[in-house]
Amino acid sequence: MTANETREAIQPHHRPRWTKWLVLRALGLRGWRVRGRFPKPFWRTLVVMHAPNPWQVSWASWLYPVESIRVDPQCDEPVLMEAWSAGKCVVFQTDGSPTQMAQAQAWAKSCGARITLCAWESKRRFFHVHAPFKPSKHADRDVHYMTRYFKYFLQNHSDYE
């Protein structure tokens, strides 16, 4: 399936609204806050997330407006295209390295997807969601932008090492 076929009007698999409400309340009871929002037309999005604990990736997946799948760095493009054609978003957990940022940018560029950056900060207990952006024709600029975003979460907090 090509990027043009994926861009056609595909019905996203929306989650019930009560799931997001429930997870937000549960995170609030644990002392966590969410900064930023996931946009409603979210189905053709690559979520690049940095989470120091495994439970954080699972809980964040319930905040997305659509169903999601997790991919690893060895994933190939047909898997991504299949997920997006099914109306889901793709979650890529990263350690913030420039090579992984370049890989995420290349995936999004080749498949015609948006990139949403997310990170958990344990010290101040918030989950930050960056606004989605389209990859540009300058891959090095996009990689620098994403690396600079994660730099705060990687340098200032020992739980991200």
Foldseek 3Di string as FASTA:
>chain_A
DFLVVLPPDADAAFDDPVLLVVLQVVLVVVPAAEADAQDQQRQQEEEEEEELDPVVVVSVQSRHRGHEDEDELVDDQVVSSVSSNNRHYYYYYDLLDLVVQLSSLVSCQRNVGWYKYWYAAPVNRYIYIHDIDHRDPDSVVSSVVSSVVCCCRCPPDPSSD
